[in-house]
Amino acid sequence: MALITDHSLNPSTKNRQIAAIGAALTTILAVVPLPVQALTFVTKRTDLGGNDQVDWSNVSKIFNPFAPDPAAFLPNSFSVESSVGKEVNVNIPLSNSPNITPPFVFRTSFPPNGIPTNFALGDFLLYTGAASGSFPAIGNPGPLTITFPQGVTAAGTQIAVDDTPEFTAFVSAFDTDNNLLGTFSIPATSSLTLDNSAVFLGVKSNIPNIKQLVFNSSEPNRAIAINTLSITAVFEATPTFGLLCTAILSVGLFRKVRVE
């Protein structure tokens, strides 16, 4: 069997070398500690630092929500491609009421080309679905769950609730092992003002461990809507223990060996 040996060293010298290597590793790990999770609530899109996004105009959309085409309704679970080609999964629980429509996308605009909201004029919104014919409209409250193909460092969107002037908006973040990283909430409003005042909910981490976001509101029977989802793509992973060993090798802590 081939063994890695170094005939130029006696046992005492080898032991001292091994001890030196261990001390060097300990020093490096102490100076460069492993990342510590730090989740931050973000309420401004500009603070998120996003470099990717999901624009809901990329999926089937309804330009006249007052006379929707059933062919444009979305399934309760579907996938959409981000601007850099990453597949993002969306899930909205099926409503218990047969009168509530499936989810769909519509544009913030003046009728009949859309519905006025307090998002920006022209925004395309992912809407969880509602029953028409009453005010306030009974709708699917979600929650609306976004799952990323791999962990990201930040993500968020604006949110509003149908026919509800004031509510509380919530966002929860989960990691790649489905552990809850944190839940945040903020008072929010909905209106028809087309003024981009819909509240922004986002989360930001110092490591790419955000795998899933869940959005919902304090209203149990009202539909929710979100606009463009901003995402900060995955950064390179922190050097592992193996890479640290490689670094030690590169500076010559190990002497040349030969295989017999």
C-alpha atoms as a PDB file:
ATOM      1  CA  MET A   1       0.000   0.000   0.000  1.00  0.00           C
ATOM      2  CA  ALA A   2       1.355   3.473  -0.844  1.00  0.00           C
ATOM      3  CA  LEU A   3       2.137   5.651   2.137  1.00  0.00           C
ATOM      4  CA  ILE A   4       3.008   9.332   2.289  1.00  0.00           C
ATOM      5  CA  THR A   5       6.378   9.623   4.042  1.00  0.00           C
ATOM      6  CA  ASP A   6       9.176  12.085   4.515  1.00  0.00           C
ATOM      7  CA  HIS A   7      12.451  10.296   5.202  1.00  0.00           C
ATOM      8  CA  SER A   8      14.286  13.565   5.834  1.00  0.00           C
ATOM      9  CA  LEU A   9      12.581  14.092   9.201  1.00  0.00           C
ATOM     10  CA  ASN A  10      13.032  12.161  12.440  1.00  0.00           C
ATOM     11  CA  PRO A  11       9.932  11.477  14.633  1.00  0.00           C
ATOM     12  CA  SER A  12      10.701  14.352  16.990  1.00  0.00           C
ATOM     13  CA  THR A  13      10.931  16.846  14.133  1.00  0.00           C
ATOM     14  CA  LYS A  14       7.716  15.514  12.582  1.00  0.00           C
ATOM     15  CA  ASN A  15       5.854  15.927  15.866  1.00  0.00           C
ATOM     16  CA  ARG A  16       7.027  19.520  16.161  1.00  0.00           C
ATOM     17  CA  GLN A  17       5.944  20.185  12.577  1.00  0.00           C
ATOM     18  CA  ILE A  18       2.466  18.717  13.182  1.00  0.00           C
ATOM     19  CA  ALA A  19       2.115  20.838  16.323  1.00  0.00           C
ATOM     20  CA  ALA A  20       3.129  23.927  14.362  1.00  0.00           C
ATOM     21  CA  ILE A  21       0.528  23.194  11.700  1.00  0.00           C
ATOM     22  CA  GLY A  22      -2.181  22.758  14.321  1.00  0.00           C
ATOM     23  CA  ALA A  23      -1.208  26.033  15.958  1.00  0.00           C
ATOM     24  CA  ALA A  24      -1.290  27.803  12.580  1.00  0.00           C
ATOM     25  CA  LEU A  25      -4.773  26.470  11.825  1.00  0.00           C
ATOM     26  CA  THR A  26      -6.022  27.572  15.231  1.00  0.00           C
ATOM     27  CA  THR A  27      -4.593  31.047  14.669  1.00  0.00           C
ATOM     28  CA  ILE A  28      -6.192  31.386  11.215  1.00  0.00           C
ATOM     29  CA  LEU A  29      -9.604  30.239  12.480  1.00  0.00           C
ATOM     30  CA  ALA A  30      -9.353  32.717  15.346  1.00  0.00           C
ATOM     31  CA  VAL A  31      -8.441  35.605  13.044  1.00  0.00           C
ATOM     32  CA  VAL A  32     -10.970  34.664  10.320  1.00  0.00           C
ATOM     33  CA  PRO A  33     -14.049  33.360  12.195  1.00  0.00           C
ATOM     34  CA  LEU A  34     -16.878  31.604  10.398  1.00  0.00           C
ATOM     35  CA  PRO A  35     -19.787  33.865   9.360  1.00  0.00           C
ATOM     36  CA  VAL A  36     -22.451  34.612  11.956  1.00  0.00           C
ATOM     37  CA  GLN A  37     -26.065  34.933  10.846  1.00  0.00           C
ATOM     38  CA  ALA A  38     -27.402  38.491  11.035  1.00  0.00           C
ATOM     39  CA  LEU A  39     -30.887  39.007   9.554  1.00  0.00           C
ATOM     40  CA  THR A  40     -32.039  42.593   8.971  1.00  0.00           C
ATOM     41  CA  PHE A  41     -35.512  43.919   8.192  1.00  0.00           C
ATOM     42  CA  VAL A  42     -35.492  46.163   5.110  1.00  0.00           C
ATOM     43  CA  THR A  43     -38.303  48.651   4.376  1.00  0.00           C
ATOM     44  CA  LYS A  44     -36.812  50.429   1.339  1.00  0.00           C
ATOM     45  CA  ARG A  45     -36.102  48.734  -1.972  1.00  0.00           C
ATOM     46  CA  THR A  46     -33.008  50.893  -2.486  1.00  0.00           C
ATOM     47  CA  ASP A  47     -31.539  49.542   0.775  1.00  0.00           C
ATOM     48  CA  LEU A  48     -31.810  45.955  -0.396  1.00  0.00           C
ATOM     49  CA  GLY A  49     -28.988  46.190  -2.939  1.00  0.00           C
ATOM     50  CA  GLY A  50     -30.717  43.811  -5.339  1.00  0.00           C
ATOM     51  CA  ASN A  51     -28.997  42.563  -8.486  1.00  0.00           C
ATOM     52  CA  ASP A  52     -31.786  40.274  -9.732  1.00  0.00           C
ATOM     53  CA  GLN A  53     -35.581  40.471  -9.839  1.00  0.00           C
ATOM     54  CA  VAL A  54     -38.824  38.772 -10.768  1.00  0.00           C
ATOM     55  CA  ASP A  55     -41.121  40.914 -12.894  1.00  0.00           C
ATOM     56  CA  TRP A  56     -44.607  39.398 -12.837  1.00  0.00           C
ATOM     57  CA  SER A  57     -45.285  40.640 -16.369  1.00  0.00           C
ATOM     58  CA  ASN A  58     -43.276  37.594 -17.476  1.00  0.00           C
ATOM     59  CA  VAL A  59     -46.192  35.287 -16.637  1.00  0.00           C
ATOM     60  CA  SER A  60     -49.803  35.233 -17.871  1.00  0.00           C
ATOM     61  CA  LYS A  61     -51.521  38.513 -17.084  1.00  0.00           C
ATOM     62  CA  ILE A  62     -55.009  39.969 -17.102  1.00  0.00           C
ATOM     63  CA  PHE A  63     -55.377  43.482 -18.468  1.00  0.00           C
ATOM     64  CA  ASN A  64     -59.036  43.844 -17.489  1.00  0.00           C
ATOM     65  CA  PRO A  65     -59.580  42.324 -14.032  1.00  0.00           C
ATOM     66  CA  PHE A  66     -63.260  43.297 -14.212  1.00  0.00           C
ATOM     67  CA  ALA A  67     -63.705  40.812 -17.064  1.00  0.00           C
ATOM     68  CA  PRO A  68     -60.856  38.333 -16.555  1.00  0.00           C
ATOM     69  CA  ASP A  69     -59.985  35.701 -19.103  1.00  0.00           C
ATOM     70  CA  PRO A  70     -59.971  32.368 -17.212  1.00  0.00           C
ATOM     71  CA  ALA A  71     -57.178  31.170 -19.494  1.00  0.00           C
ATOM     72  CA  ALA A  72     -54.879  33.728 -17.889  1.00  0.00           C
ATOM     73  CA  PHE A  73     -55.409  32.486 -14.349  1.00  0.00           C
ATOM     74  CA  LEU A  74     -52.341  30.980 -12.692  1.00  0.00           C
ATOM     75  CA  PRO A  75     -52.030  27.692 -10.828  1.00  0.00           C
ATOM     76  CA  ASN A  76     -51.629  27.955  -7.080  1.00  0.00           C
ATOM     77  CA  SER A  77     -48.075  26.663  -7.433  1.00  0.00           C
ATOM     78  CA  PHE A  78     -45.918  27.754 -10.352  1.00  0.00           C
ATOM     79  CA  SER A  79     -42.374  28.704 -11.334  1.00  0.00           C
ATOM     80  CA  VAL A  80     -41.137  31.916 -12.917  1.00  0.00           C
ATOM     81  CA  GLU A  81     -37.733  32.902 -14.259  1.00  0.00           C
ATOM     82  CA  SER A  82     -35.836  35.824 -12.748  1.00  0.00           C
ATOM     83  CA  SER A  83     -34.079  38.444 -14.855  1.00  0.00           C
ATOM     84  CA  VAL A  84     -30.796  36.479 -14.700  1.00  0.00           C
ATOM     85  CA  GLY A  85     -32.435  33.160 -15.510  1.00  0.00           C
ATOM     86  CA  LYS A  86     -32.930  31.694 -12.025  1.00  0.00           C
ATOM     87  CA  GLU A  87     -36.107  29.675 -11.460  1.00  0.00           C
ATOM     88  CA  VAL A  88     -38.159  31.006  -8.542  1.00  0.00           C
ATOM     89  CA  ASN A  89     -41.077  28.988  -7.151  1.00  0.00           C
ATOM     90  CA  VAL A  90     -44.345  30.502  -5.951  1.00  0.00           C
ATOM     91  CA  ASN A  91     -47.001  28.869  -3.785  1.00  0.00           C
ATOM     92  CA  ILE A  92     -50.398  30.234  -2.743  1.00  0.00           C
ATOM     93  CA  PRO A  93     -52.730  27.889  -0.815  1.00  0.00           C
ATOM     94  CA  LEU A  94     -55.902  26.861  -2.608  1.00  0.00           C
ATOM     95  CA  SER A  95     -58.930  28.822  -1.378  1.00  0.00           C
ATOM     96  CA  ASN A  96     -61.754  26.973   0.351  1.00  0.00           C
ATOM     97  CA  SER A  97     -64.325  29.103  -1.468  1.00  0.00           C
ATOM     98  CA  PRO A  98     -65.285  28.160  -5.055  1.00  0.00           C
ATOM     99  CA  ASN A  99     -66.188  31.811  -5.706  1.00  0.00           C
ATOM    100  CA  ILE A 100     -62.633  33.033  -5.214  1.00  0.00           C
ATOM    101  CA  THR A 101     -60.605  33.128  -8.409  1.00  0.00           C
ATOM    102  CA  PRO A 102     -57.212  31.463  -8.771  1.00  0.00           C
ATOM    103  CA  PRO A 103     -54.175  33.760  -8.558  1.00  0.00           C
ATOM    104  CA  PHE A 104     -53.502  36.097 -11.466  1.00  0.00           C
ATOM    105  CA  VAL A 105     -51.343  39.030 -12.532  1.00  0.00           C
ATOM    106  CA  PHE A 106     -52.805  42.440 -13.365  1.00  0.00           C
ATOM    107  CA  ARG A 107     -51.425  45.907 -13.966  1.00  0.00           C
ATOM    108  CA  THR A 108     -51.797  48.960 -11.754  1.00  0.00           C
ATOM    109  CA  SER A 109     -53.584  51.359 -14.077  1.00  0.00           C
ATOM    110  CA  PHE A 110     -56.852  53.103 -14.780  1.00  0.00           C
ATOM    111  CA  PRO A 111     -59.851  50.948 -15.826  1.00  0.00           C
ATOM    112  CA  PRO A 112     -60.429  49.137 -18.088  1.00  0.00           C
ATOM    113  CA  ASN A 113     -56.710  48.410 -18.561  1.00  0.00           C
ATOM    114  CA  GLY A 114     -56.077  47.588 -14.914  1.00  0.00           C
ATOM    115  CA  ILE A 115     -57.025  48.499 -11.376  1.00  0.00           C
ATOM    116  CA  PRO A 116     -55.815  51.607  -9.509  1.00  0.00           C
ATOM    117  CA  THR A 117     -53.809  50.718  -6.399  1.00  0.00           C
ATOM    118  CA  ASN A 118     -51.193  52.412  -4.255  1.00  0.00           C
ATOM    119  CA  PHE A 119     -48.394  50.770  -6.216  1.00  0.00           C
ATOM    120  CA  ALA A 120     -46.693  52.726  -8.984  1.00  0.00           C
ATOM    121  CA  LEU A 121     -48.600  53.309 -12.226  1.00  0.00           C
ATOM    122  CA  GLY A 122     -47.782  50.472 -14.619  1.00  0.00           C
ATOM    123  CA  ASP A 123     -46.607  47.986 -11.978  1.00  0.00           C
ATOM    124  CA  PHE A 124     -47.601  44.380 -12.609  1.00  0.00           C
ATOM    125  CA  LEU A 125     -48.944  42.740  -9.469  1.00  0.00           C
ATOM    126  CA  LEU A 126     -49.209  39.114  -8.439  1.00  0.00           C
ATOM    127  CA  TYR A 127     -52.644  38.822  -6.821  1.00  0.00           C
ATOM    128  CA  THR A 128     -53.803  35.879  -4.702  1.00  0.00           C
ATOM    129  CA  GLY A 129     -57.412  35.963  -6.035  1.00  0.00           C
ATOM    130  CA  ALA A 130     -60.820  37.173  -4.826  1.00  0.00           C
ATOM    131  CA  ALA A 131     -64.570  36.850  -5.340  1.00  0.00           C
ATOM    132  CA  SER A 132     -66.207  39.724  -7.209  1.00  0.00           C
ATOM    133  CA  GLY A 133     -69.591  41.292  -6.535  1.00  0.00           C
ATOM    134  CA  SER A 134     -69.206  42.562  -2.981  1.00  0.00           C
ATOM    135  CA  PHE A 135     -67.328  45.234  -1.070  1.00  0.00           C
ATOM    136  CA  PRO A 136     -65.046  44.565   0.613  1.00  0.00           C
ATOM    137  CA  ALA A 137     -64.309  41.586  -1.630  1.00  0.00           C
ATOM    138  CA  ILE A 138     -63.721  38.224   0.017  1.00  0.00           C
ATOM    139  CA  GLY A 139     -60.308  37.045  -1.095  1.00  0.00           C
ATOM    140  CA  ASN A 140     -57.557  34.488  -0.704  1.00  0.00           C
ATOM    141  CA  PRO A 141     -55.343  35.733   2.157  1.00  0.00           C
ATOM    142  CA  GLY A 142     -52.411  33.500   1.228  1.00  0.00           C
ATOM    143  CA  PRO A 143     -49.827  33.287   2.610  1.00  0.00           C
ATOM    144  CA  LEU A 144     -47.767  33.907  -0.500  1.00  0.00           C
ATOM    145  CA  THR A 145     -44.570  31.838  -0.407  1.00  0.00           C
ATOM    146  CA  ILE A 146     -41.491  32.493  -2.538  1.00  0.00           C
ATOM    147  CA  THR A 147     -38.789  29.795  -2.715  1.00  0.00           C
ATOM    148  CA  PHE A 148     -35.382  30.383  -4.284  1.00  0.00           C
ATOM    149  CA  PRO A 149     -33.317  27.709  -6.072  1.00  0.00           C
ATOM    150  CA  GLN A 150     -30.490  28.332  -3.600  1.00  0.00           C
ATOM    151  CA  GLY A 151     -29.857  30.630  -0.668  1.00  0.00           C
ATOM    152  CA  VAL A 152     -29.780  34.376  -1.361  1.00  0.00           C
ATOM    153  CA  THR A 153     -28.534  37.225   0.785  1.00  0.00           C
ATOM    154  CA  ALA A 154     -31.570  39.502   0.417  1.00  0.00           C
ATOM    155  CA  ALA A 155     -35.039  39.682  -1.105  1.00  0.00           C
ATOM    156  CA  GLY A 156     -38.194  41.750  -0.772  1.00  0.00           C
ATOM    157  CA  THR A 157     -41.225  43.329  -2.426  1.00  0.00           C
ATOM    158  CA  GLN A 158     -44.025  45.836  -1.866  1.00  0.00           C
ATOM    159  CA  ILE A 159     -47.362  44.541  -0.626  1.00  0.00           C
ATOM    160  CA  ALA A 160     -50.982  45.695  -0.337  1.00  0.00           C
ATOM    161  CA  VAL A 161     -54.288  44.135   0.734  1.00  0.00           C
ATOM    162  CA  ASP A 162     -57.462  44.317  -1.337  1.00  0.00           C
ATOM    163  CA  ASP A 163     -60.223  46.662  -0.074  1.00  0.00           C
ATOM    164  CA  THR A 164     -58.405  47.290   3.223  1.00  0.00           C
ATOM    165  CA  PRO A 165     -57.171  50.816   4.017  1.00  0.00           C
ATOM    166  CA  GLU A 166     -55.037  49.782   6.997  1.00  0.00           C
ATOM    167  CA  PHE A 167     -53.452  46.461   7.918  1.00  0.00           C
ATOM    168  CA  THR A 168     -50.273  44.876   9.249  1.00  0.00           C
ATOM    169  CA  ALA A 169     -47.930  43.226   6.751  1.00  0.00           C
ATOM    170  CA  PHE A 170     -45.694  40.291   7.700  1.00  0.00           C
ATOM    171  CA  VAL A 171     -42.664  38.621   6.148  1.00  0.00           C
ATOM    172  CA  SER A 172     -40.957  35.472   7.436  1.00  0.00           C
ATOM    173  CA  ALA A 173     -37.613  34.136   6.219  1.00  0.00           C
ATOM    174  CA  PHE A 174     -36.462  30.502   6.273  1.00  0.00           C
ATOM    175  CA  ASP A 175     -33.032  29.037   5.617  1.00  0.00           C
ATOM    176  CA  THR A 176     -31.953  26.151   3.386  1.00  0.00           C
ATOM    177  CA  ASP A 177     -32.829  23.661   6.170  1.00  0.00           C
ATOM    178  CA  ASN A 178     -36.318  25.193   6.570  1.00  0.00           C
ATOM    179  CA  ASN A 179     -35.379  26.793   9.890  1.00  0.00           C
ATOM    180  CA  LEU A 180     -37.124  30.081  10.688  1.00  0.00           C
ATOM    181  CA  LEU A 181     -34.588  32.909  10.496  1.00  0.00           C
ATOM    182  CA  GLY A 182     -37.000  35.602  11.605  1.00  0.00           C
ATOM    183  CA  THR A 183     -40.408  37.246  11.211  1.00  0.00           C
ATOM    184  CA  PHE A 184     -40.971  40.979  10.786  1.00  0.00           C
ATOM    185  CA  SER A 185     -44.084  43.138  10.575  1.00  0.00           C
ATOM    186  CA  ILE A 186     -44.972  46.721   9.775  1.00  0.00           C
ATOM    187  CA  PRO A 187     -48.169  48.841   9.645  1.00  0.00           C
ATOM    188  CA  ALA A 188     -49.286  49.327   6.046  1.00  0.00           C
ATOM    189  CA  THR A 189     -51.982  50.928   3.913  1.00  0.00           C
ATOM    190  CA  SER A 190     -53.853  50.265   0.679  1.00  0.00           C
ATOM    191  CA  SER A 191     -55.554  52.823  -1.548  1.00  0.00           C
ATOM    192  CA  LEU A 192     -56.316  53.787  -5.150  1.00  0.00           C
ATOM    193  CA  THR A 193     -53.871  56.690  -5.271  1.00  0.00           C
ATOM    194  CA  LEU A 194     -51.314  55.277  -7.768  1.00  0.00           C
ATOM    195  CA  ASP A 195     -48.579  56.908  -5.661  1.00  0.00           C
ATOM    196  CA  ASN A 196     -46.187  53.969  -5.020  1.00  0.00           C
ATOM    197  CA  SER A 197     -46.903  54.144  -1.281  1.00  0.00           C
ATOM    198  CA  ALA A 198     -47.387  50.382  -0.869  1.00  0.00           C
ATOM    199  CA  VAL A 199     -45.081  49.294   1.938  1.00  0.00           C
ATOM    200  CA  PHE A 200     -41.867  47.416   1.144  1.00  0.00           C
ATOM    201  CA  LEU A 201     -40.995  44.268   3.117  1.00  0.00           C
ATOM    202  CA  GLY A 202     -37.602  42.706   2.705  1.00  0.00           C
ATOM    203  CA  VAL A 203     -34.938  40.816   4.618  1.00  0.00           C
ATOM    204  CA  LYS A 204     -31.164  40.940   4.314  1.00  0.00           C
ATOM    205  CA  SER A 205     -28.516  38.559   5.652  1.00  0.00           C
ATOM    206  CA  ASN A 206     -24.725  38.702   5.785  1.00  0.00           C
ATOM    207  CA  ILE A 207     -24.557  35.179   4.343  1.00  0.00           C
ATOM    208  CA  PRO A 208     -26.563  33.550   1.507  1.00  0.00           C
ATOM    209  CA  ASN A 209     -28.890  31.542   3.744  1.00  0.00           C
ATOM    210  CA  ILE A 210     -32.322  32.930   2.775  1.00  0.00           C
ATOM    211  CA  LYS A 211     -34.079  30.119   0.936  1.00  0.00           C
ATOM    212  CA  GLN A 212     -37.734  31.078   1.340  1.00  0.00           C
ATOM    213  CA  LEU A 213     -39.880  34.123   2.087  1.00  0.00           C
ATOM    214  CA  VAL A 214     -43.495  34.000   3.270  1.00  0.00           C
ATOM    215  CA  PHE A 215     -45.713  37.104   2.938  1.00  0.00           C
ATOM    216  CA  ASN A 216     -49.096  37.568   4.604  1.00  0.00           C
ATOM    217  CA  SER A 217     -51.228  40.157   6.358  1.00  0.00           C
ATOM    218  CA  SER A 218     -53.372  40.648   9.438  1.00  0.00           C
ATOM    219  CA  GLU A 219     -56.561  40.348   7.328  1.00  0.00           C
ATOM    220  CA  PRO A 220     -57.937  36.773   7.288  1.00  0.00           C
ATOM    221  CA  ASN A 221     -60.332  37.128   4.324  1.00  0.00           C
ATOM    222  CA  ARG A 222     -58.675  39.620   1.992  1.00  0.00           C
ATOM    223  CA  ALA A 223     -56.501  39.031  -1.055  1.00  0.00           C
ATOM    224  CA  ILE A 224     -52.945  40.304  -1.071  1.00  0.00           C
ATOM    225  CA  ALA A 225     -50.843  41.598  -3.959  1.00  0.00           C
ATOM    226  CA  ILE A 226     -47.116  42.104  -4.444  1.00  0.00           C
ATOM    227  CA  ASN A 227     -45.142  43.851  -7.168  1.00  0.00           C
ATOM    228  CA  THR A 228     -41.613  43.213  -8.512  1.00  0.00           C
ATOM    229  CA  LEU A 229     -39.595  40.906  -6.275  1.00  0.00           C
ATOM    230  CA  SER A 230     -36.069  42.248  -5.772  1.00  0.00           C
ATOM    231  CA  ILE A 231     -33.315  39.713  -5.054  1.00  0.00           C
ATOM    232  CA  THR A 232     -29.661  39.906  -4.120  1.00  0.00           C
ATOM    233  CA  ALA A 233     -27.883  36.993  -5.776  1.00  0.00           C
ATOM    234  CA  VAL A 234     -25.711  34.515  -3.904  1.00  0.00           C
ATOM    235  CA  PHE A 235     -22.219  35.632  -2.974  1.00  0.00           C
ATOM    236  CA  GLU A 236     -19.280  33.234  -3.070  1.00  0.00           C
ATOM    237  CA  ALA A 237     -19.107  30.886  -0.128  1.00  0.00           C
ATOM    238  CA  THR A 238     -16.756  31.626   2.754  1.00  0.00           C
ATOM    239  CA  PRO A 239     -13.467  29.615   2.581  1.00  0.00           C
ATOM    240  CA  THR A 240     -13.831  26.221   4.175  1.00  0.00           C
ATOM    241  CA  PHE A 241     -11.489  24.390   6.454  1.00  0.00           C
ATOM    242  CA  GLY A 242     -10.095  22.557   3.433  1.00  0.00           C
ATOM    243  CA  LEU A 243      -9.236  25.827   1.726  1.00  0.00           C
ATOM    244  CA  LEU A 244      -7.493  26.988   4.861  1.00  0.00           C
ATOM    245  CA  CYS A 245      -5.349  23.871   4.739  1.00  0.00           C
ATOM    246  CA  THR A 246      -4.585  24.624   1.100  1.00  0.00           C
ATOM    247  CA  ALA A 247      -3.478  28.105   2.073  1.00  0.00           C
ATOM    248  CA  ILE A 248      -1.126  26.633   4.661  1.00  0.00           C
ATOM    249  CA  LEU A 249       0.289  24.293   2.059  1.00  0.00           C
ATOM    250  CA  SER A 250       0.884  27.214  -0.283  1.00  0.00           C
ATOM    251  CA  VAL A 251       3.122  29.009   2.218  1.00  0.00           C
ATOM    252  CA  GLY A 252       5.238  25.923   2.782  1.00  0.00           C
ATOM    253  CA  LEU A 253       4.242  24.652   6.180  1.00  0.00           C
ATOM    254  CA  PHE A 254       4.351  21.128   4.775  1.00  0.00           C
ATOM    255  CA  ARG A 255       7.651  19.903   3.433  1.00  0.00           C
ATOM    256  CA  LYS A 256       7.883  18.088   0.129  1.00  0.00           C
ATOM    257  CA  VAL A 257       6.773  14.489   0.403  1.00  0.00           C
ATOM    258  CA  ARG A 258       7.077  11.530  -1.874  1.00  0.00           C
ATOM    259  CA  VAL A 259       4.795   8.536  -2.420  1.00  0.00           C
ATOM    260  CA  GLU A 260       6.276   5.072  -2.141  1.00  0.00           C
END
